[in-house]
C-alpha atoms as a PDB file:
ATOM      1  CA  MET A   1      42.992 -10.667  70.601  1.00  0.00           C
ATOM      2  CA  PRO A   2      43.462  -8.278  67.810  1.00  0.00           C
ATOM      3  CA  ARG A   3      42.845  -5.122  69.847  1.00  0.00           C
ATOM      4  CA  GLN A   4      45.386  -6.278  72.372  1.00  0.00           C
ATOM      5  CA  ALA A   5      48.174  -6.955  69.348  1.00  0.00           C
ATOM      6  CA  SER A   6      47.076  -3.222  67.859  1.00  0.00           C
ATOM      7  CA  ARG A   7      47.984  -1.721  71.419  1.00  0.00           C
ATOM      8  CA  GLY A   8      51.492  -3.582  71.670  1.00  0.00           C
ATOM      9  CA  PRO A   9      53.908  -0.723  70.608  1.00  0.00           C
ATOM     10  CA  GLU A  10      51.747   1.793  72.507  1.00  0.00           C
ATOM     11  CA  ILE A  11      52.102   0.025  75.667  1.00  0.00           C
ATOM     12  CA  THR A  12      55.803  -0.429  75.116  1.00  0.00           C
ATOM     13  CA  ARG A  13      56.222   3.258  74.512  1.00  0.00           C
ATOM     14  CA  GLY A  14      54.534   4.091  77.931  1.00  0.00           C
ATOM     15  CA  LYS A  15      57.559   1.709  79.375  1.00  0.00           C
ATOM     16  CA  VAL A  16      60.033   3.440  77.865  1.00  0.00           C
ATOM     17  CA  ALA A  17      58.546   6.902  79.095  1.00  0.00           C
ATOM     18  CA  SER A  18      57.980   5.810  82.813  1.00  0.00           C
ATOM     19  CA  VAL A  19      61.746   4.568  82.832  1.00  0.00           C
ATOM     20  CA  VAL A  20      62.912   7.856  81.222  1.00  0.00           C
ATOM     21  CA  THR A  21      60.743   9.504  83.522  1.00  0.00           C
ATOM     22  CA  ASP A  22      61.986   7.892  86.322  1.00  0.00           C
ATOM     23  CA  VAL A  23      65.495   8.627  85.829  1.00  0.00           C
ATOM     24  CA  LEU A  24      64.678  12.163  84.894  1.00  0.00           C
ATOM     25  CA  TYR A  25      63.550  12.389  88.725  1.00  0.00           C
ATOM     26  CA  ARG A  26      66.361  10.748  89.930  1.00  0.00           C
ATOM     27  CA  VAL A  27      68.351  13.389  88.520  1.00  0.00           C
ATOM     28  CA  ALA A  28      66.597  16.140  88.877  1.00  0.00           C
ATOM     29  CA  THR A  29      66.093  15.255  92.890  1.00  0.00           C
ATOM     30  CA  GLY A  30      69.933  14.748  92.926  1.00  0.00           C
ATOM     31  CA  ALA A  31      69.698  10.910  93.919  1.00  0.00           C
ATOM     32  CA  TRP A  32      71.786  10.159  90.715  1.00  0.00           C
ATOM     33  CA  GLU A  33      75.177  12.571  90.254  1.00  0.00           C
ATOM     34  CA  PRO A  34      76.561  14.021  87.236  1.00  0.00           C
ATOM     35  CA  GLY A  35      78.783  11.279  86.417  1.00  0.00           C
ATOM     36  CA  GLN A  36      76.998   8.354  88.112  1.00  0.00           C
ATOM     37  CA  ARG A  37      76.729   4.967  86.548  1.00  0.00           C
ATOM     38  CA  LEU A  38      73.585   4.051  85.598  1.00  0.00           C
ATOM     39  CA  PRO A  39      71.953   0.621  86.597  1.00  0.00           C
ATOM     40  CA  SER A  40      73.131  -2.120  83.763  1.00  0.00           C
ATOM     41  CA  LEU A  41      70.910  -3.380  81.365  1.00  0.00           C
ATOM     42  CA  SER A  42      69.733  -6.445  83.297  1.00  0.00           C
ATOM     43  CA  ALA A  43      69.415  -4.299  86.650  1.00  0.00           C
ATOM     44  CA  ALA A  44      67.772  -1.845  85.340  1.00  0.00           C
ATOM     45  CA  ALA A  45      65.045  -4.907  83.869  1.00  0.00           C
ATOM     46  CA  GLU A  46      65.051  -5.892  87.531  1.00  0.00           C
ATOM     47  CA  MET A  47      64.655  -2.595  89.292  1.00  0.00           C
ATOM     48  CA  TRP A  48      61.814  -1.181  86.596  1.00  0.00           C
ATOM     49  CA  GLY A  49      60.032  -4.221  86.375  1.00  0.00           C
ATOM     50  CA  THR A  50      60.241  -4.491  82.176  1.00  0.00           C
ATOM     51  CA  SER A  51      62.563  -5.944  79.496  1.00  0.00           C
ATOM     52  CA  GLU A  52      66.160  -5.154  79.009  1.00  0.00           C
ATOM     53  CA  LEU A  53      64.890  -3.772  75.397  1.00  0.00           C
ATOM     54  CA  THR A  54      62.837  -1.247  77.039  1.00  0.00           C
ATOM     55  CA  CYS A  55      65.543   0.000  79.457  1.00  0.00           C
ATOM     56  CA  LEU A  56      67.988   0.084  76.298  1.00  0.00           C
ATOM     57  CA  ARG A  57      65.430   2.424  74.493  1.00  0.00           C
ATOM     58  CA  ALA A  58      64.630   4.356  77.357  1.00  0.00           C
ATOM     59  CA  TYR A  59      68.643   4.870  78.170  1.00  0.00           C
ATOM     60  CA  ARG A  60      69.088   6.257  74.125  1.00  0.00           C
ATOM     61  CA  ARG A  61      66.336   8.507  74.478  1.00  0.00           C
ATOM     62  CA  LEU A  62      67.977   9.719  77.397  1.00  0.00           C
ATOM     63  CA  ILE A  63      71.183   9.951  75.652  1.00  0.00           C
ATOM     64  CA  ALA A  64      69.460  11.766  72.381  1.00  0.00           C
ATOM     65  CA  GLN A  65      68.443  14.243  75.182  1.00  0.00           C
ATOM     66  CA  GLY A  66      72.040  14.925  76.457  1.00  0.00           C
ATOM     67  CA  LEU A  67      71.833  13.637  79.602  1.00  0.00           C
ATOM     68  CA  VAL A  68      72.948  10.117  79.563  1.00  0.00           C
ATOM     69  CA  ARG A  69      76.032   9.069  77.761  1.00  0.00           C
ATOM     70  CA  SER A  70      77.722   5.544  77.038  1.00  0.00           C
ATOM     71  CA  ARG A  71      80.824   4.085  77.023  1.00  0.00           C
ATOM     72  CA  GLN A  72      81.503   1.043  74.740  1.00  0.00           C
ATOM     73  CA  ARG A  73      81.968  -1.979  77.087  1.00  0.00           C
ATOM     74  CA  GLY A  74      81.715   0.785  79.862  1.00  0.00           C
ATOM     75  CA  GLY A  75      78.018   1.523  80.562  1.00  0.00           C
ATOM     76  CA  TYR A  76      75.643   4.163  80.675  1.00  0.00           C
ATOM     77  CA  TYR A  77      76.439   7.780  83.004  1.00  0.00           C
ATOM     78  CA  VAL A  78      74.604  10.530  84.035  1.00  0.00           C
ATOM     79  CA  THR A  79      76.613  13.533  81.941  1.00  0.00           C
ATOM     80  CA  ARG A  80      77.948  16.734  83.089  1.00  0.00           C
ATOM     81  CA  ALA A  81      76.479  18.870  80.759  1.00  0.00           C
ATOM     82  CA  ARG A  82      74.559  21.913  81.360  1.00  0.00           C
ATOM     83  CA  SER A  83      71.039  20.399  80.546  1.00  0.00           C
ATOM     84  CA  VAL A  84      71.727  18.099  83.981  1.00  0.00           C
ATOM     85  CA  SER A  85      72.453  21.040  85.788  1.00  0.00           C
ATOM     86  CA  HIS A  86      69.516  23.010  84.544  1.00  0.00           C
ATOM     87  CA  LEU A  87      67.531  19.920  85.206  1.00  0.00           C
ATOM     88  CA  SER A  88      68.364  19.877  89.049  1.00  0.00           C
ATOM     89  CA  ARG A  89      68.676  23.671  89.691  1.00  0.00           C
ATOM     90  CA  HIS A  90      65.025  23.011  91.576  1.00  0.00           C
ATOM     91  CA  ARG A  91      66.590  20.618  94.437  1.00  0.00           C
ATOM     92  CA  ALA A  92      69.031  23.640  95.490  1.00  0.00           C
ATOM     93  CA  GLU A  93      66.128  25.669  95.454  1.00  0.00           C
ATOM     94  CA  MET A  94      64.302  23.570  97.536  1.00  0.00           C
ATOM     95  CA  ASP A  95      66.995  22.604 100.118  1.00  0.00           C
ATOM     96  CA  ARG A  96      66.934  26.327 101.032  1.00  0.00           C
ATOM     97  CA  LEU A  97      63.030  27.184 101.768  1.00  0.00           C
ATOM     98  CA  TYR A  98      62.930  23.789 103.541  1.00  0.00           C
ATOM     99  CA  ALA A  99      66.262  25.033 105.903  1.00  0.00           C
ATOM    100  CA  ALA A 100      64.244  28.409 106.295  1.00  0.00           C
ATOM    101  CA  PHE A 101      60.705  27.283 106.614  1.00  0.00           C
ATOM    102  CA  GLU A 102      62.274  24.623 109.368  1.00  0.00           C
ATOM    103  CA  ARG A 103      64.445  27.330 111.395  1.00  0.00           C
ATOM    104  CA  ARG A 104      61.037  29.585 111.433  1.00  0.00           C
ATOM    105  CA  LEU A 105      58.879  26.921 112.680  1.00  0.00           C
ATOM    106  CA  ARG A 106      61.392  25.530 115.535  1.00  0.00           C
ATOM    107  CA  SER A 107      61.601  28.999 116.968  1.00  0.00           C
ATOM    108  CA  HIS A 108      58.112  30.194 116.267  1.00  0.00           C
ATOM    109  CA  SER A 109      56.088  26.652 116.910  1.00  0.00           C
ATOM    110  CA  GLN A 110      55.254  23.613 118.464  1.00  0.00           C
ATOM    111  CA  MET A 111      54.204  22.002 115.236  1.00  0.00           C
ATOM    112  CA  SER A 112      55.535  19.092 113.767  1.00  0.00           C
ATOM    113  CA  ILE A 113      57.357  19.984 110.837  1.00  0.00           C
ATOM    114  CA  LEU A 114      56.103  17.185 108.576  1.00  0.00           C
ATOM    115  CA  ALA A 115      52.319  18.036 109.796  1.00  0.00           C
ATOM    116  CA  ALA A 116      52.999  21.798 108.989  1.00  0.00           C
ATOM    117  CA  ALA A 117      54.617  20.795 105.307  1.00  0.00           C
ATOM    118  CA  ARG A 118      51.191  18.892 104.888  1.00  0.00           C
ATOM    119  CA  VAL A 119      49.010  21.978 106.222  1.00  0.00           C
ATOM    120  CA  MET A 120      50.720  24.594 103.964  1.00  0.00           C
ATOM    121  CA  ALA A 121      50.895  21.716 101.210  1.00  0.00           C
ATOM    122  CA  GLN A 122      46.783  21.493 101.364  1.00  0.00           C
ATOM    123  CA  ILE A 123      46.471  25.409 101.944  1.00  0.00           C
ATOM    124  CA  ALA A 124      48.526  25.937  98.831  1.00  0.00           C
ATOM    125  CA  GLU A 125      46.322  23.839  96.812  1.00  0.00           C
ATOM    126  CA  GLN A 126      43.276  25.166  97.579  1.00  0.00           C
ATOM    127  CA  ARG A 127      44.524  28.910  96.713  1.00  0.00           C
ATOM    128  CA  VAL A 128      46.029  27.071  93.199  1.00  0.00           C
ATOM    129  CA  ALA A 129      42.613  25.577  92.400  1.00  0.00           C
ATOM    130  CA  ARG A 130      41.069  28.932  92.729  1.00  0.00           C
ATOM    131  CA  ASN A 131      43.678  30.785  91.016  1.00  0.00           C
ATOM    132  CA  PRO A 132      45.848  28.929  88.694  1.00  0.00           C
ATOM    133  CA  GLU A 133      49.423  29.558  87.710  1.00  0.00           C
ATOM    134  CA  CYS A 134      49.467  27.449  84.813  1.00  0.00           C
ATOM    135  CA  ALA A 135      47.481  28.143  81.492  1.00  0.00           C
ATOM    136  CA  PHE A 136      46.837  25.488  78.097  1.00  0.00           C
ATOM    137  CA  VAL A 137      46.158  28.068  74.981  1.00  0.00           C
ATOM    138  CA  GLU A 138      44.576  26.781  71.830  1.00  0.00           C
ATOM    139  CA  CYS A 139      42.679  28.539  68.992  1.00  0.00           C
ATOM    140  CA  THR A 140      39.646  25.966  70.140  1.00  0.00           C
ATOM    141  CA  GLN A 141      38.043  25.566  73.632  1.00  0.00           C
ATOM    142  CA  PHE A 142      37.599  21.578  72.471  1.00  0.00           C
ATOM    143  CA  GLN A 143      41.376  21.435  72.188  1.00  0.00           C
ATOM    144  CA  ALA A 144      42.847  24.047  75.138  1.00  0.00           C
ATOM    145  CA  GLU A 145      40.537  21.574  77.429  1.00  0.00           C
ATOM    146  CA  GLY A 146      42.195  18.268  75.817  1.00  0.00           C
ATOM    147  CA  HIS A 147      45.769  19.331  76.859  1.00  0.00           C
ATOM    148  CA  ALA A 148      44.512  21.174  80.322  1.00  0.00           C
ATOM    149  CA  ARG A 149      43.534  18.298  80.859  1.00  0.00           C
ATOM    150  CA  GLU A 150      46.730  16.283  80.400  1.00  0.00           C
ATOM    151  CA  VAL A 151      48.522  18.762  82.188  1.00  0.00           C
ATOM    152  CA  ARG A 152      46.665  18.355  85.357  1.00  0.00           C
ATOM    153  CA  ALA A 153      47.261  14.500  85.281  1.00  0.00           C
ATOM    154  CA  ARG A 154      50.652  14.095  84.088  1.00  0.00           C
ATOM    155  CA  LEU A 155      52.123  17.521  86.301  1.00  0.00           C
ATOM    156  CA  GLY A 156      49.759  17.153  89.304  1.00  0.00           C
ATOM    157  CA  VAL A 157      48.912  21.279  88.958  1.00  0.00           C
ATOM    158  CA  PRO A 158      45.421  22.736  88.450  1.00  0.00           C
ATOM    159  CA  CYS A 159      45.378  24.036  84.469  1.00  0.00           C
ATOM    160  CA  MET A 160      43.498  27.176  83.333  1.00  0.00           C
ATOM    161  CA  VAL A 161      41.872  26.556  79.351  1.00  0.00           C
ATOM    162  CA  LEU A 162      42.278  29.888  77.367  1.00  0.00           C
ATOM    163  CA  THR A 163      41.596  30.617  73.580  1.00  0.00           C
ATOM    164  CA  THR A 164      43.929  32.299  71.583  1.00  0.00           C
ATOM    165  CA  SER A 165      40.578  34.583  70.658  1.00  0.00           C
ATOM    166  CA  GLU A 166      39.829  34.978  74.183  1.00  0.00           C
ATOM    167  CA  ILE A 167      43.573  36.316  74.839  1.00  0.00           C
ATOM    168  CA  ALA A 168      43.679  38.636  71.145  1.00  0.00           C
ATOM    169  CA  GLY A 169      47.385  39.470  71.939  1.00  0.00           C
ATOM    170  CA  ARG A 170      46.445  41.335  74.787  1.00  0.00           C
ATOM    171  CA  ARG A 171      48.216  40.310  78.078  1.00  0.00           C
ATOM    172  CA  SER A 172      45.380  42.082  80.224  1.00  0.00           C
ATOM    173  CA  ARG A 173      43.287  39.326  79.018  1.00  0.00           C
ATOM    174  CA  ILE A 174      44.880  36.927  81.055  1.00  0.00           C
ATOM    175  CA  PRO A 175      44.507  36.893  84.430  1.00  0.00           C
ATOM    176  CA  ARG A 176      47.675  37.984  86.451  1.00  0.00           C
ATOM    177  CA  HIS A 177      47.782  34.900  88.637  1.00  0.00           C
ATOM    178  CA  VAL A 178      48.613  32.819  85.318  1.00  0.00           C
ATOM    179  CA  ARG A 179      52.968  32.742  84.964  1.00  0.00           C
ATOM    180  CA  THR A 180      52.881  30.311  82.477  1.00  0.00           C
ATOM    181  CA  LEU A 181      51.391  29.798  79.225  1.00  0.00           C
ATOM    182  CA  LEU A 182      51.553  26.236  77.322  1.00  0.00           C
ATOM    183  CA  THR A 183      50.563  25.893  73.952  1.00  0.00           C
ATOM    184  CA  THR A 184      51.482  24.184  70.411  1.00  0.00           C
ATOM    185  CA  ARG A 185      54.365  25.081  68.033  1.00  0.00           C
ATOM    186  CA  PHE A 186      50.616  26.455  65.822  1.00  0.00           C
ATOM    187  CA  HIS A 187      50.235  29.380  67.975  1.00  0.00           C
ATOM    188  CA  TYR A 188      53.500  30.314  69.691  1.00  0.00           C
ATOM    189  CA  ALA A 189      54.262  33.237  67.372  1.00  0.00           C
ATOM    190  CA  GLU A 190      51.278  34.896  68.626  1.00  0.00           C
ATOM    191  CA  LEU A 191      51.868  34.211  71.788  1.00  0.00           C
ATOM    192  CA  ALA A 192      55.335  34.810  72.341  1.00  0.00           C
ATOM    193  CA  GLY A 193      55.306  38.678  72.321  1.00  0.00           C
ATOM    194  CA  LEU A 194      53.272  38.555  75.309  1.00  0.00           C
ATOM    195  CA  ALA A 195      56.651  37.275  77.258  1.00  0.00           C
ATOM    196  CA  VAL A 196      58.437  40.603  76.784  1.00  0.00           C
ATOM    197  CA  LEU A 197      55.737  42.690  78.221  1.00  0.00           C
ATOM    198  CA  ASP A 198      55.401  40.897  81.765  1.00  0.00           C
ATOM    199  CA  ARG A 199      57.030  38.163  83.686  1.00  0.00           C
ATOM    200  CA  LEU A 200      55.069  35.684  81.740  1.00  0.00           C
ATOM    201  CA  THR A 201      56.632  32.716  80.443  1.00  0.00           C
ATOM    202  CA  VAL A 202      55.132  30.847  76.986  1.00  0.00           C
ATOM    203  CA  THR A 203      56.553  27.672  76.137  1.00  0.00           C
ATOM    204  CA  ALA A 204      54.970  25.498  72.798  1.00  0.00           C
ATOM    205  CA  LEU A 205      54.931  22.213  72.945  1.00  0.00           C
ATOM    206  CA  PRO A 206      54.736  19.646  70.437  1.00  0.00           C
ATOM    207  CA  ILE A 207      51.809  17.326  70.008  1.00  0.00           C
ATOM    208  CA  GLU A 208      50.374  13.822  67.732  1.00  0.00           C
ATOM    209  CA  LEU A 209      47.638  12.333  67.000  1.00  0.00           C
ATOM    210  CA  ASP A 210      46.254  10.429  69.522  1.00  0.00           C
ATOM    211  CA  PRO A 211      47.444   6.839  69.643  1.00  0.00           C
ATOM    212  CA  GLU A 212      44.198   5.601  71.415  1.00  0.00           C
ATOM    213  CA  PHE A 213      42.193   7.679  68.434  1.00  0.00           C
ATOM    214  CA  LEU A 214      44.314   5.684  65.905  1.00  0.00           C
ATOM    215  CA  THR A 215      43.456   2.623  67.543  1.00  0.00           C
ATOM    216  CA  GLU A 216      39.906   3.162  67.301  1.00  0.00           C
ATOM    217  CA  LEU A 217      39.684   4.581  63.854  1.00  0.00           C
ATOM    218  CA  GLY A 218      41.546   1.189  62.880  1.00  0.00           C
ATOM    219  CA  GLU A 219      39.219  -0.506  64.331  1.00  0.00           C
ATOM    220  CA  CYS A 220      35.969   1.188  63.384  1.00  0.00           C
ATOM    221  CA  GLY A 221      33.457  -0.149  60.833  1.00  0.00           C
ATOM    222  CA  ALA A 222      33.984   1.987  58.699  1.00  0.00           C
ATOM    223  CA  THR A 223      35.355   1.802  54.817  1.00  0.00           C
ATOM    224  CA  ASP A 224      34.608   5.699  53.773  1.00  0.00           C
ATOM    225  CA  VAL A 225      36.544   7.843  55.697  1.00  0.00           C
ATOM    226  CA  HIS A 226      36.165  12.030  54.622  1.00  0.00           C
ATOM    227  CA  VAL A 227      38.555  13.895  56.655  1.00  0.00           C
ATOM    228  CA  LEU A 228      37.336  17.567  56.681  1.00  0.00           C
ATOM    229  CA  ALA A 229      39.484  21.100  57.793  1.00  0.00           C
ATOM    230  CA  LEU A 230      39.200  24.567  56.988  1.00  0.00           C
ATOM    231  CA  LYS A 231      42.072  24.363  54.707  1.00  0.00           C
ATOM    232  CA  ARG A 232      42.472  21.512  52.159  1.00  0.00           C
ATOM    233  CA  GLN A 233      46.065  21.002  52.403  1.00  0.00           C
ATOM    234  CA  MET A 234      45.954  20.890  56.069  1.00  0.00           C
ATOM    235  CA  ALA A 235      43.027  17.997  55.824  1.00  0.00           C
ATOM    236  CA  ARG A 236      44.736  16.154  52.751  1.00  0.00           C
ATOM    237  CA  SER A 237      48.080  16.019  54.756  1.00  0.00           C
ATOM    238  CA  ILE A 238      46.076  14.505  57.758  1.00  0.00           C
ATOM    239  CA  ALA A 239      44.014  12.034  55.590  1.00  0.00           C
ATOM    240  CA  ALA A 240      47.701  10.577  54.396  1.00  0.00           C
ATOM    241  CA  ASP A 241      48.391  10.134  58.002  1.00  0.00           C
ATOM    242  CA  LEU A 242      45.507   8.616  59.091  1.00  0.00           C
ATOM    243  CA  SER A 243      45.919   6.540  56.336  1.00  0.00           C
ATOM    244  CA  ARG A 244      49.472   5.431  57.114  1.00  0.00           C
ATOM    245  CA  ARG A 245      48.825   5.256  60.721  1.00  0.00           C
ATOM    246  CA  ALA A 246      45.041   3.502  61.439  1.00  0.00           C
ATOM    247  CA  GLY A 247      44.274   2.416  57.903  1.00  0.00           C
ATOM    248  CA  ARG A 248      43.357  -1.094  56.442  1.00  0.00           C
ATOM    249  CA  PRO A 249      43.342  -2.471  53.127  1.00  0.00           C
ATOM    250  CA  ALA A 250      39.448  -1.978  52.668  1.00  0.00           C
ATOM    251  CA  MET A 251      39.635   1.330  54.250  1.00  0.00           C
ATOM    252  CA  THR A 252      39.055   4.395  51.591  1.00  0.00           C
ATOM    253  CA  PHE A 253      40.393   8.213  53.283  1.00  0.00           C
ATOM    254  CA  ARG A 254      38.999  11.510  51.436  1.00  0.00           C
ATOM    255  CA  SER A 255      40.147  14.945  52.041  1.00  0.00           C
ATOM    256  CA  GLN A 256      38.455  18.291  51.607  1.00  0.00           C
ATOM    257  CA  GLY A 257      38.644  21.629  52.525  1.00  0.00           C
ATOM    258  CA  VAL A 258      35.439  22.756  53.984  1.00  0.00           C
ATOM    259  CA  SER A 259      34.461  26.610  55.725  1.00  0.00           C
ATOM    260  CA  VAL A 260      31.884  26.508  58.552  1.00  0.00           C
ATOM    261  CA  ALA A 261      29.024  28.149  56.339  1.00  0.00           C
ATOM    262  CA  ALA A 262      29.336  25.044  54.403  1.00  0.00           C
ATOM    263  CA  LEU A 263      29.846  22.300  57.182  1.00  0.00           C
ATOM    264  CA  ASN A 264      25.578  20.963  57.363  1.00  0.00           C
ATOM    265  CA  GLY A 265      25.835  20.732  53.463  1.00  0.00           C
ATOM    266  CA  ILE A 266      28.626  18.298  53.555  1.00  0.00           C
ATOM    267  CA  PHE A 267      27.627  16.534  56.379  1.00  0.00           C
ATOM    268  CA  ARG A 268      24.281  15.810  54.389  1.00  0.00           C
ATOM    269  CA  ASP A 269      25.964  15.270  51.200  1.00  0.00           C
ATOM    270  CA  ILE A 270      28.672  12.374  52.871  1.00  0.00           C
ATOM    271  CA  LEU A 271      26.071  10.779  55.714  1.00  0.00           C
ATOM    272  CA  GLY A 272      22.413  11.391  54.039  1.00  0.00           C
ATOM    273  CA  GLY A 273      20.780   8.112  53.465  1.00  0.00           C
ATOM    274  CA  LYS A 274      20.760   4.734  55.394  1.00  0.00           C
ATOM    275  CA  ALA A 275      23.242   2.859  52.811  1.00  0.00           C
ATOM    276  CA  HIS A 276      26.141   4.867  53.931  1.00  0.00           C
ATOM    277  CA  ARG A 277      25.250   4.927  57.946  1.00  0.00           C
ATOM    278  CA  HIS A 278      27.520   1.911  58.899  1.00  0.00           C
ATOM    279  CA  SER A 279      30.143   2.264  56.227  1.00  0.00           C
ATOM    280  CA  ARG A 280      31.224   6.388  56.277  1.00  0.00           C
ATOM    281  CA  LEU A 281      32.333   8.159  58.847  1.00  0.00           C
ATOM    282  CA  VAL A 282      33.270  12.105  58.669  1.00  0.00           C
ATOM    283  CA  VAL A 283      36.282  13.054  61.122  1.00  0.00           C
ATOM    284  CA  LEU A 284      36.735  16.941  61.439  1.00  0.00           C
ATOM    285  CA  SER A 285      39.519  19.452  62.546  1.00  0.00           C
ATOM    286  CA  PRO A 286      39.004  20.906  66.356  1.00  0.00           C
ATOM    287  CA  THR A 287      38.250  24.306  64.531  1.00  0.00           C
ATOM    288  CA  LEU A 288      34.988  22.557  62.867  1.00  0.00           C
ATOM    289  CA  TRP A 289      34.222  20.076  65.952  1.00  0.00           C
ATOM    290  CA  THR A 290      33.654  23.077  67.943  1.00  0.00           C
ATOM    291  CA  GLU A 291      31.228  24.978  65.321  1.00  0.00           C
ATOM    292  CA  ALA A 292      29.784  21.881  64.374  1.00  0.00           C
ATOM    293  CA  ARG A 293      25.651  21.432  65.379  1.00  0.00           C
ATOM    294  CA  ASP A 294      25.117  19.173  68.458  1.00  0.00           C
ATOM    295  CA  TYR A 295      23.376  16.862  65.883  1.00  0.00           C
ATOM    296  CA  TRP A 296      26.400  16.128  64.285  1.00  0.00           C
ATOM    297  CA  LYS A 297      28.808  15.960  67.179  1.00  0.00           C
ATOM    298  CA  GLN A 298      26.149  13.244  69.281  1.00  0.00           C
ATOM    299  CA  ARG A 299      26.035  10.894  66.166  1.00  0.00           C
ATOM    300  CA  SER A 300      28.797   7.964  66.136  1.00  0.00           C
ATOM    301  CA  ASP A 301      29.990   8.446  62.375  1.00  0.00           C
ATOM    302  CA  VAL A 302      31.049  12.076  63.203  1.00  0.00           C
ATOM    303  CA  ARG A 303      34.561  12.192  65.035  1.00  0.00           C
ATOM    304  CA  PRO A 304      36.866  15.342  65.987  1.00  0.00           C
ATOM    305  CA  PHE A 305      40.425  14.693  65.540  1.00  0.00           C
ATOM    306  CA  VAL A 306      42.365  14.192  68.815  1.00  0.00           C
ATOM    307  CA  TYR A 307      45.882  15.081  69.295  1.00  0.00           C
ATOM    308  CA  ARG A 308      47.987  14.536  72.717  1.00  0.00           C
ATOM    309  CA  ILE A 309      51.067  16.172  74.021  1.00  0.00           C
ATOM    310  CA  VAL A 310      54.318  13.937  72.890  1.00  0.00           C
ATOM    311  CA  ASP A 311      55.539  11.735  75.855  1.00  0.00           C
ATOM    312  CA  SER A 312      59.024  13.622  75.493  1.00  0.00           C
ATOM    313  CA  ALA A 313      58.128  17.062  75.973  1.00  0.00           C
ATOM    314  CA  TRP A 314      56.942  16.265  80.002  1.00  0.00           C
ATOM    315  CA  PRO A 315      60.182  17.241  81.064  1.00  0.00           C
ATOM    316  CA  GLN A 316      59.910  20.676  78.925  1.00  0.00           C
ATOM    317  CA  ALA A 317      56.404  21.090  80.096  1.00  0.00           C
ATOM    318  CA  ALA A 318      57.173  20.632  83.955  1.00  0.00           C
ATOM    319  CA  ASP A 319      60.393  23.232  83.423  1.00  0.00           C
ATOM    320  CA  ALA A 320      58.024  25.905  82.219  1.00  0.00           C
ATOM    321  CA  ALA A 321      54.935  25.596  84.797  1.00  0.00           C
ATOM    322  CA  GLY A 322      57.872  25.334  87.700  1.00  0.00           C
ATOM    323  CA  VAL A 323      57.004  21.469  88.898  1.00  0.00           C
ATOM    324  CA  PRO A 324      60.207  19.906  89.813  1.00  0.00           C
ATOM    325  CA  LEU A 325      59.896  16.341  87.747  1.00  0.00           C
ATOM    326  CA  ILE A 326      58.085  13.543  89.585  1.00  0.00           C
ATOM    327  CA  PRO A 327      57.378   9.915  88.407  1.00  0.00           C
ATOM    328  CA  LEU A 328      54.563   8.668  87.173  1.00  0.00           C
ATOM    329  CA  ARG A 329      54.415   6.802  90.275  1.00  0.00           C
ATOM    330  CA  PRO A 330      56.867   7.239  93.198  1.00  0.00           C
ATOM    331  CA  ALA A 331      59.443   5.225  92.158  1.00  0.00           C
ATOM    332  CA  ILE A 332      60.202   1.631  94.537  1.00  0.00           C
ATOM    333  CA  GLU A 333      63.286  -0.384  93.970  1.00  0.00           C
ATOM    334  CA  HIS A 334      62.625  -3.728  92.659  1.00  0.00           C
ATOM    335  CA  SER A 335      58.897  -3.281  91.713  1.00  0.00           C
ATOM    336  CA  PRO A 336      57.467  -1.546  88.153  1.00  0.00           C
ATOM    337  CA  VAL A 337      57.525   1.704  86.827  1.00  0.00           C
ATOM    338  CA  GLY A 338      53.656   2.608  86.138  1.00  0.00           C
ATOM    339  CA  THR A 339      51.596   5.346  85.453  1.00  0.00           C
ATOM    340  CA  ARG A 340      49.562   7.685  87.735  1.00  0.00           C
ATOM    341  CA  GLY A 341      46.546   6.817  89.588  1.00  0.00           C
ATOM    342  CA  GLY A 342      44.302   9.104  87.737  1.00  0.00           C
ATOM    343  CA  ARG A 343      43.654   8.010  83.970  1.00  0.00           C
ATOM    344  CA  ARG A 344      44.186  10.098  81.042  1.00  0.00           C
ATOM    345  CA  ARG A 345      40.727  10.788  79.183  1.00  0.00           C
ATOM    346  CA  ARG A 346      40.238   8.311  76.386  1.00  0.00           C
ATOM    347  CA  ALA A 347      39.707   9.843  73.014  1.00  0.00           C
ATOM    348  CA  PRO A 348      36.525   9.991  72.404  1.00  0.00           C
ATOM    349  CA  THR A 349      35.194   6.250  70.783  1.00  0.00           C
ATOM    350  CA  ILE A 350      34.506   5.751  67.159  1.00  0.00           C
ATOM    351  CA  GLY A 351      31.400   3.478  66.692  1.00  0.00           C
ATOM    352  CA  ARG A 352      29.320   4.707  69.816  1.00  0.00           C
ATOM    353  CA  ASN A 353      27.671   7.933  71.030  1.00  0.00           C
ATOM    354  CA  PRO A 354      29.858   9.882  73.629  1.00  0.00           C
ATOM    355  CA  THR A 355      28.701  12.552  75.283  1.00  0.00           C
ATOM    356  CA  ALA A 356      29.377  15.745  73.325  1.00  0.00           C
ATOM    357  CA  PRO A 357      32.217  17.847  74.538  1.00  0.00           C
ATOM    358  CA  SER A 358      31.136  21.391  76.012  1.00  0.00           C
END
């Protein structure tokens, strides 16, 4: 079917990311040490339940990250580079903490070590849920909430939602229990100075237009797409990107810089009249979506840009949040590497009336 065909490249990218994540996990936990040879492409394909081409793409991505090297006709090996030592540094720390925990428990309690560890994990989850150590910061609540959901799903840790206007450049406006601020490259400069004032990590993550959003856009019935942003240049850039990645021959993309005050008038000009109800679509920047009235948000012909964190940035995000890398699903030999049980929230569906985000 056309829909399945259009999602093929994205499914392949997801399988590549799964293999990369599992290799990173094995290196980070010490299961695969520097200098160790990785499975051959045929063995890797069998182990991860995928194709040799997918494994080759994953190995090439790891080579680009400096974590794996190849020898001509000699296979693939974990490098001895500093990046590998940095990646696996949590293993030694966890070993020390476990040894101290085990000694204290054996000398002061009759509890099973495994049972005690499980109870401790439950206590930690309850307390950190109330006081998250990580927050995602963006200029709009809508975009910050979307990325915070991604962090919770991929890293398995609570993540607060903060906006740049709430912080306003002041450390006192960030809860003291927050140790890590994740943001996008657009806002890193205004937040980086906060790390100097206190023991706070600020990390910028790259983002991209969500592939699911692009698929929905490409399959919608609209032929006239209007891209609106506060700045004309941004609207023009996004329109060109959407046209290249999601456009059809019959689709026309127009761009316009719009102020918040003029937004309602622009909506009426573009969407007024029954003749255009199914042929026109308005796509808004996150800021304009946040400021738009609920009436417009509830219409199927008005949609926000939807972004996601780039797949290759998750090791960086995990490192910043102090989370030892974990696979998307616990790796089992001779079985496919899959995705986490909790599905990421889908992009708002074009052509139907979704519930407007809060």
